[in-house]
Amino acid sequence: MPSSDKNVNLILSILEDLDSHVFERMDSSSNSLDALYSKIFGGQQHHGSSATVVAPEAMEATVVGMLCEWATTCKRSGEHRAFVVAKLLERRQLEIVPEPMAVGKTKQSLISLKGHH
């Protein structure tokens, strides 16, 4: 399967995971933000696919962009979408960037923002 087909399949699979997740019920281990995060960023096979899905790390920018689009589009309903994506991306950042470094970057960003006002 060509790489672009794998990318499309991964994006469609993630959209299906997001759209089918029951956000009103976060009580079970299979229906939590942790479970959703693992489906999106865990590099697991989606929906019984026999082919290996492209590792999300290889297309991080595409996945993040798609999450932002899902969070802000007017073509889907639910005010929860922005909150959900913010929590997913916050966790992703903490996994990618060690926490002390992330805190330092956040402080630098805030300082630079204050300097521009």
C-alpha atoms as a PDB file:
ATOM      1  CA  MET A   1       0.000   0.000   0.000  1.00  0.00           C
ATOM      2  CA  PRO A   2       1.504   3.393  -0.961  1.00  0.00           C
ATOM      3  CA  SER A   3       2.425   5.771   1.850  1.00  0.00           C
ATOM      4  CA  SER A   4      -0.286   8.303   0.911  1.00  0.00           C
ATOM      5  CA  ASP A   5      -2.946   5.579   1.173  1.00  0.00           C
ATOM      6  CA  LYS A   6      -1.661   4.676   4.642  1.00  0.00           C
ATOM      7  CA  ASN A   7      -1.788   8.351   5.650  1.00  0.00           C
ATOM      8  CA  VAL A   8      -5.373   8.699   4.442  1.00  0.00           C
ATOM      9  CA  ASN A   9      -6.366   5.482   6.209  1.00  0.00           C
ATOM     10  CA  LEU A  10      -4.755   6.664   9.449  1.00  0.00           C
ATOM     11  CA  ILE A  11      -6.502  10.052   9.308  1.00  0.00           C
ATOM     12  CA  LEU A  12      -9.861   8.428   8.558  1.00  0.00           C
ATOM     13  CA  SER A  13      -9.342   5.981  11.398  1.00  0.00           C
ATOM     14  CA  ILE A  14      -8.511   8.790  13.836  1.00  0.00           C
ATOM     15  CA  LEU A  15     -11.568  10.768  12.712  1.00  0.00           C
ATOM     16  CA  GLU A  16     -13.703   7.684  13.275  1.00  0.00           C
ATOM     17  CA  ASP A  17     -12.203   7.261  16.757  1.00  0.00           C
ATOM     18  CA  LEU A  18     -12.924  10.910  17.600  1.00  0.00           C
ATOM     19  CA  ASP A  19     -16.445  10.923  16.178  1.00  0.00           C
ATOM     20  CA  SER A  20     -17.457   7.611  17.763  1.00  0.00           C
ATOM     21  CA  HIS A  21     -16.029   8.330  21.226  1.00  0.00           C
ATOM     22  CA  VAL A  22     -18.736   8.901  23.842  1.00  0.00           C
ATOM     23  CA  PHE A  23     -17.441  11.998  25.627  1.00  0.00           C
ATOM     24  CA  GLU A  24     -20.429  12.208  27.961  1.00  0.00           C
ATOM     25  CA  ARG A  25     -19.374   8.899  29.565  1.00  0.00           C
ATOM     26  CA  MET A  26     -15.756   8.819  30.718  1.00  0.00           C
ATOM     27  CA  ASP A  27     -16.105   6.057  33.271  1.00  0.00           C
ATOM     28  CA  SER A  28     -14.541   2.972  31.711  1.00  0.00           C
ATOM     29  CA  SER A  29     -10.984   2.218  30.712  1.00  0.00           C
ATOM     30  CA  SER A  30     -12.055   1.796  27.086  1.00  0.00           C
ATOM     31  CA  ASN A  31     -13.909   5.130  27.004  1.00  0.00           C
ATOM     32  CA  SER A  32     -11.490   7.576  28.577  1.00  0.00           C
ATOM     33  CA  LEU A  33      -9.230  10.323  27.254  1.00  0.00           C
ATOM     34  CA  ASP A  34      -6.312   7.970  27.957  1.00  0.00           C
ATOM     35  CA  ALA A  35      -7.836   5.312  25.714  1.00  0.00           C
ATOM     36  CA  LEU A  36      -8.532   7.895  23.007  1.00  0.00           C
ATOM     37  CA  TYR A  37      -4.976   9.228  23.270  1.00  0.00           C
ATOM     38  CA  SER A  38      -3.604   5.703  22.861  1.00  0.00           C
ATOM     39  CA  LYS A  39      -5.728   5.141  19.774  1.00  0.00           C
ATOM     40  CA  ILE A  40      -4.501   8.376  18.197  1.00  0.00           C
ATOM     41  CA  PHE A  41      -0.853   8.523  19.228  1.00  0.00           C
ATOM     42  CA  GLY A  42      -0.168   4.949  20.263  1.00  0.00           C
ATOM     43  CA  GLY A  43       0.663   3.615  16.798  1.00  0.00           C
ATOM     44  CA  GLN A  44      -1.752   0.744  17.316  1.00  0.00           C
ATOM     45  CA  GLN A  45      -3.672  -0.932  14.553  1.00  0.00           C
ATOM     46  CA  HIS A  46      -7.087   0.638  14.087  1.00  0.00           C
ATOM     47  CA  HIS A  47     -10.385  -1.165  13.647  1.00  0.00           C
ATOM     48  CA  GLY A  48      -9.030  -4.656  13.016  1.00  0.00           C
ATOM     49  CA  SER A  49      -6.888  -3.639  10.086  1.00  0.00           C
ATOM     50  CA  SER A  50      -4.573  -6.453   9.045  1.00  0.00           C
ATOM     51  CA  ALA A  51      -2.027  -4.002   7.641  1.00  0.00           C
ATOM     52  CA  THR A  52       0.222  -2.045   9.967  1.00  0.00           C
ATOM     53  CA  VAL A  53      -0.877   1.572  10.231  1.00  0.00           C
ATOM     54  CA  VAL A  54       1.720   4.304   9.645  1.00  0.00           C
ATOM     55  CA  ALA A  55       3.287   5.192  12.980  1.00  0.00           C
ATOM     56  CA  PRO A  56       1.763   8.486  14.126  1.00  0.00           C
ATOM     57  CA  GLU A  57       5.246   9.779  15.023  1.00  0.00           C
ATOM     58  CA  ALA A  58       6.102   9.744  11.312  1.00  0.00           C
ATOM     59  CA  MET A  59       3.262  12.135  10.536  1.00  0.00           C
ATOM     60  CA  GLU A  60       2.941  14.116  13.761  1.00  0.00           C
ATOM     61  CA  ALA A  61       2.237  17.447  12.019  1.00  0.00           C
ATOM     62  CA  THR A  62      -0.536  15.907   9.919  1.00  0.00           C
ATOM     63  CA  VAL A  63      -2.203  14.336  12.953  1.00  0.00           C
ATOM     64  CA  VAL A  64      -1.936  17.554  15.010  1.00  0.00           C
ATOM     65  CA  GLY A  65      -3.324  19.618  12.131  1.00  0.00           C
ATOM     66  CA  MET A  66      -6.202  17.199  11.678  1.00  0.00           C
ATOM     67  CA  LEU A  67      -6.974  17.333  15.417  1.00  0.00           C
ATOM     68  CA  CYS A  68      -7.047  21.151  15.304  1.00  0.00           C
ATOM     69  CA  GLU A  69      -9.344  21.059  12.295  1.00  0.00           C
ATOM     70  CA  TRP A  70     -11.661  18.570  14.052  1.00  0.00           C
ATOM     71  CA  ALA A  71     -11.700  20.819  17.140  1.00  0.00           C
ATOM     72  CA  THR A  72     -12.653  23.977  15.267  1.00  0.00           C
ATOM     73  CA  THR A  73     -14.707  22.935  12.263  1.00  0.00           C
ATOM     74  CA  CYS A  74     -18.307  24.065  11.985  1.00  0.00           C
ATOM     75  CA  LYS A  75     -19.138  20.809  10.188  1.00  0.00           C
ATOM     76  CA  ARG A  76     -19.242  18.856  13.469  1.00  0.00           C
ATOM     77  CA  SER A  77     -21.210  19.616  16.605  1.00  0.00           C
ATOM     78  CA  GLY A  78     -20.085  19.838  20.199  1.00  0.00           C
ATOM     79  CA  GLU A  79     -18.334  22.470  22.239  1.00  0.00           C
ATOM     80  CA  HIS A  80     -16.311  19.715  23.881  1.00  0.00           C
ATOM     81  CA  ARG A  81     -14.119  19.200  20.804  1.00  0.00           C
ATOM     82  CA  ALA A  82     -11.713  22.078  21.541  1.00  0.00           C
ATOM     83  CA  PHE A  83     -11.302  20.961  25.151  1.00  0.00           C
ATOM     84  CA  VAL A  84     -10.682  17.346  24.127  1.00  0.00           C
ATOM     85  CA  VAL A  85      -8.035  18.298  21.563  1.00  0.00           C
ATOM     86  CA  ALA A  86      -6.371  20.698  24.015  1.00  0.00           C
ATOM     87  CA  LYS A  87      -6.051  17.879  26.570  1.00  0.00           C
ATOM     88  CA  LEU A  88      -4.776  15.410  23.948  1.00  0.00           C
ATOM     89  CA  LEU A  89      -2.165  17.867  22.653  1.00  0.00           C
ATOM     90  CA  GLU A  90      -1.135  18.873  26.175  1.00  0.00           C
ATOM     91  CA  ARG A  91      -0.443  15.228  26.979  1.00  0.00           C
ATOM     92  CA  ARG A  92       1.384  14.748  23.693  1.00  0.00           C
ATOM     93  CA  GLN A  93       3.624  17.734  24.401  1.00  0.00           C
ATOM     94  CA  LEU A  94       4.451  16.393  27.851  1.00  0.00           C
ATOM     95  CA  GLU A  95       5.434  13.049  26.317  1.00  0.00           C
ATOM     96  CA  ILE A  96       7.576  14.589  23.591  1.00  0.00           C
ATOM     97  CA  VAL A  97       9.219  17.436  25.530  1.00  0.00           C
ATOM     98  CA  PRO A  98      10.544  16.686  29.024  1.00  0.00           C
ATOM     99  CA  GLU A  99       8.469  18.624  31.580  1.00  0.00           C
ATOM    100  CA  PRO A 100      11.169  21.016  32.904  1.00  0.00           C
ATOM    101  CA  MET A 101      11.991  21.991  29.319  1.00  0.00           C
ATOM    102  CA  ALA A 102       8.292  22.448  28.465  1.00  0.00           C
ATOM    103  CA  VAL A 103       7.783  24.656  31.526  1.00  0.00           C
ATOM    104  CA  GLY A 104      10.812  26.759  30.568  1.00  0.00           C
ATOM    105  CA  LYS A 105       9.517  27.193  27.015  1.00  0.00           C
ATOM    106  CA  THR A 106       6.078  28.167  28.320  1.00  0.00           C
ATOM    107  CA  LYS A 107       7.613  30.777  30.634  1.00  0.00           C
ATOM    108  CA  GLN A 108       9.735  32.129  27.761  1.00  0.00           C
ATOM    109  CA  SER A 109       6.632  32.355  25.582  1.00  0.00           C
ATOM    110  CA  LEU A 110       4.725  34.245  28.277  1.00  0.00           C
ATOM    111  CA  ILE A 111       7.628  36.631  28.829  1.00  0.00           C
ATOM    112  CA  SER A 112       7.896  37.337  25.113  1.00  0.00           C
ATOM    113  CA  LEU A 113       4.134  37.918  24.909  1.00  0.00           C
ATOM    114  CA  LYS A 114       4.248  40.380  27.797  1.00  0.00           C
ATOM    115  CA  GLY A 115       7.078  42.236  26.070  1.00  0.00           C
ATOM    116  CA  HIS A 116       4.919  42.797  22.978  1.00  0.00           C
ATOM    117  CA  HIS A 117       2.090  44.576  24.811  1.00  0.00           C
END
